[in-house]
Amino acid sequence: MAQRQTSRGRAQDRAHVAGGQDHEVKYEAKKEGVSKDVVEKAVKSAGNSRRKVEAEVGRH
């Protein structure tokens, strides 16, 4: 998957959820219609792949 450059020239990978980044967890929780806790647990059990996290969240 291609990475996009940020305005600061850094690579940004949208295929992963950074579980330690509060804003990413909030975004994913809002997008999926679940709580932050559910997303954090999904990241811990499924890893940080966005596709796997979304599948794990869909099971709850």
N, C-alpha and C. Protein backbone atom coordinates (compact mmCIF):
# COMPACT_ATOMS: atom_id res chain seq x y z
N MET A 1 0.84 -1.17 0.00
CA MET A 1 0.00 0.00 0.00
C MET A 1 0.89 1.24 0.00
N ALA A 2 0.57 2.18 -0.84
CA ALA A 2 1.38 3.39 -0.97
C ALA A 2 1.21 4.29 0.25
N GLN A 3 2.30 4.89 0.63
CA GLN A 3 2.25 5.83 1.74
C GLN A 3 2.18 7.24 1.21
N ARG A 4 1.48 8.07 1.90
CA ARG A 4 1.29 9.45 1.54
C ARG A 4 2.27 10.31 2.34
N GLN A 5 2.69 11.41 1.79
CA GLN A 5 3.59 12.32 2.50
C GLN A 5 2.76 13.38 3.24
N THR A 6 3.14 13.66 4.46
CA THR A 6 2.50 14.72 5.22
C THR A 6 3.09 16.05 4.78
N SER A 7 2.53 17.13 5.29
CA SER A 7 3.05 18.45 4.94
C SER A 7 4.48 18.65 5.45
N ARG A 8 4.88 17.86 6.41
CA ARG A 8 6.25 17.95 6.94
C ARG A 8 7.20 17.00 6.21
N GLY A 9 6.68 16.28 5.20
CA GLY A 9 7.53 15.39 4.42
C GLY A 9 7.70 14.01 5.02
N ARG A 10 6.91 13.69 6.02
CA ARG A 10 7.00 12.38 6.65
C ARG A 10 6.03 11.42 5.99
N ALA A 11 6.37 10.15 5.98
CA ALA A 11 5.48 9.14 5.42
C ALA A 11 4.32 8.90 6.37
N GLN A 12 3.13 8.77 5.81
CA GLN A 12 1.93 8.53 6.61
C GLN A 12 1.28 7.27 6.10
N ASP A 13 1.03 6.33 6.96
CA ASP A 13 0.45 5.05 6.57
C ASP A 13 -0.96 4.96 7.11
N ARG A 14 -1.94 5.05 6.23
CA ARG A 14 -3.34 5.02 6.65
C ARG A 14 -3.86 3.60 6.81
N ALA A 15 -3.05 2.60 6.55
CA ALA A 15 -3.49 1.23 6.67
C ALA A 15 -3.38 0.72 8.11
N HIS A 16 -2.84 1.55 9.01
CA HIS A 16 -2.65 1.13 10.39
C HIS A 16 -3.32 2.12 11.35
N VAL A 17 -3.71 1.59 12.48
CA VAL A 17 -4.28 2.41 13.56
C VAL A 17 -3.23 2.49 14.65
N ALA A 18 -2.80 3.67 14.98
CA ALA A 18 -1.82 3.86 16.06
C ALA A 18 -2.60 3.85 17.37
N GLY A 19 -2.60 2.70 18.04
CA GLY A 19 -3.36 2.55 19.27
C GLY A 19 -2.96 3.50 20.37
N GLY A 20 -1.74 3.99 20.35
CA GLY A 20 -1.26 4.91 21.36
C GLY A 20 -1.59 6.36 21.06
N GLN A 21 -2.15 6.61 19.89
CA GLN A 21 -2.50 7.98 19.49
C GLN A 21 -3.99 8.19 19.74
N ASP A 22 -4.29 9.02 20.74
CA ASP A 22 -5.67 9.23 21.16
C ASP A 22 -6.56 9.70 20.01
N HIS A 23 -6.05 10.59 19.16
CA HIS A 23 -6.87 11.11 18.07
C HIS A 23 -7.22 10.03 17.04
N GLU A 24 -6.30 9.08 16.83
CA GLU A 24 -6.59 7.99 15.89
C GLU A 24 -7.62 7.03 16.47
N VAL A 25 -7.52 6.76 17.75
CA VAL A 25 -8.48 5.87 18.42
C VAL A 25 -9.86 6.52 18.41
N LYS A 26 -9.92 7.83 18.71
CA LYS A 26 -11.20 8.54 18.69
C LYS A 26 -11.82 8.52 17.30
N TYR A 27 -11.00 8.75 16.27
CA TYR A 27 -11.49 8.76 14.90
C TYR A 27 -12.09 7.41 14.53
N GLU A 28 -11.36 6.35 14.82
CA GLU A 28 -11.82 5.01 14.47
C GLU A 28 -13.08 4.66 15.26
N ALA A 29 -13.15 5.05 16.53
CA ALA A 29 -14.33 4.78 17.35
C ALA A 29 -15.55 5.50 16.79
N LYS A 30 -15.38 6.76 16.42
CA LYS A 30 -16.50 7.53 15.86
C LYS A 30 -16.94 6.93 14.53
N LYS A 31 -15.97 6.57 13.70
CA LYS A 31 -16.26 6.01 12.38
C LYS A 31 -17.04 4.70 12.50
N GLU A 32 -16.67 3.87 13.47
CA GLU A 32 -17.32 2.57 13.65
C GLU A 32 -18.54 2.62 14.56
N GLY A 33 -18.75 3.75 15.24
CA GLY A 33 -19.90 3.89 16.13
C GLY A 33 -19.77 3.09 17.42
N VAL A 34 -18.54 3.01 17.93
CA VAL A 34 -18.27 2.28 19.18
C VAL A 34 -17.47 3.18 20.12
N SER A 35 -17.21 2.68 21.31
CA SER A 35 -16.43 3.46 22.27
C SER A 35 -14.94 3.31 22.00
N LYS A 36 -14.16 4.23 22.59
CA LYS A 36 -12.70 4.16 22.46
C LYS A 36 -12.17 2.86 23.05
N ASP A 37 -12.77 2.40 24.14
CA ASP A 37 -12.32 1.18 24.79
C ASP A 37 -12.40 -0.02 23.84
N VAL A 38 -13.48 -0.09 23.06
CA VAL A 38 -13.65 -1.19 22.12
C VAL A 38 -12.54 -1.16 21.07
N VAL A 39 -12.21 0.02 20.57
CA VAL A 39 -11.15 0.14 19.56
C VAL A 39 -9.80 -0.22 20.18
N GLU A 40 -9.53 0.24 21.38
CA GLU A 40 -8.26 -0.07 22.03
C GLU A 40 -8.11 -1.57 22.25
N LYS A 41 -9.17 -2.23 22.67
CA LYS A 41 -9.13 -3.68 22.86
C LYS A 41 -8.93 -4.39 21.53
N ALA A 42 -9.56 -3.88 20.47
CA ALA A 42 -9.41 -4.49 19.15
C ALA A 42 -7.98 -4.36 18.65
N VAL A 43 -7.34 -3.22 18.90
CA VAL A 43 -5.95 -3.04 18.50
C VAL A 43 -5.05 -4.01 19.26
N LYS A 44 -5.33 -4.19 20.55
CA LYS A 44 -4.52 -5.11 21.35
C LYS A 44 -4.68 -6.55 20.89
N SER A 45 -5.89 -6.95 20.52
CA SER A 45 -6.11 -8.35 20.15
C SER A 45 -5.82 -8.64 18.68
N ALA A 46 -6.08 -7.68 17.78
CA ALA A 46 -5.94 -7.94 16.35
C ALA A 46 -4.69 -7.31 15.74
N GLY A 47 -4.00 -6.46 16.48
CA GLY A 47 -2.85 -5.76 15.92
C GLY A 47 -3.29 -4.40 15.40
N ASN A 48 -2.39 -3.69 14.73
CA ASN A 48 -2.72 -2.33 14.34
C ASN A 48 -3.17 -2.19 12.89
N SER A 49 -3.39 -3.28 12.19
CA SER A 49 -3.91 -3.21 10.83
C SER A 49 -5.34 -2.68 10.88
N ARG A 50 -5.61 -1.61 10.14
CA ARG A 50 -6.93 -0.98 10.16
C ARG A 50 -8.00 -1.98 9.75
N ARG A 51 -7.72 -2.79 8.74
CA ARG A 51 -8.68 -3.78 8.25
C ARG A 51 -9.00 -4.81 9.34
N LYS A 52 -7.99 -5.27 10.06
CA LYS A 52 -8.21 -6.25 11.13
C LYS A 52 -8.93 -5.62 12.33
N VAL A 53 -8.59 -4.38 12.64
CA VAL A 53 -9.26 -3.69 13.75
C VAL A 53 -10.74 -3.51 13.42
N GLU A 54 -11.04 -3.10 12.19
CA GLU A 54 -12.44 -2.91 11.80
C GLU A 54 -13.21 -4.23 11.84
N ALA A 55 -12.56 -5.32 11.44
CA ALA A 55 -13.22 -6.63 11.51
C ALA A 55 -13.46 -7.04 12.95
N GLU A 56 -12.49 -6.78 13.82
CA GLU A 56 -12.63 -7.12 15.24
C GLU A 56 -13.73 -6.29 15.90
N VAL A 57 -13.80 -5.01 15.56
CA VAL A 57 -14.83 -4.13 16.11
C VAL A 57 -16.20 -4.58 15.63
N GLY A 58 -16.28 -5.05 14.41
CA GLY A 58 -17.56 -5.51 13.85
C GLY A 58 -18.13 -6.72 14.57
N ARG A 59 -17.29 -7.45 15.27
CA ARG A 59 -17.73 -8.64 16.03
C ARG A 59 -18.42 -8.26 17.33
N HIS A 60 -18.20 -7.04 17.81
CA HIS A 60 -18.78 -6.62 19.10
C HIS A 60 -20.16 -6.04 18.91
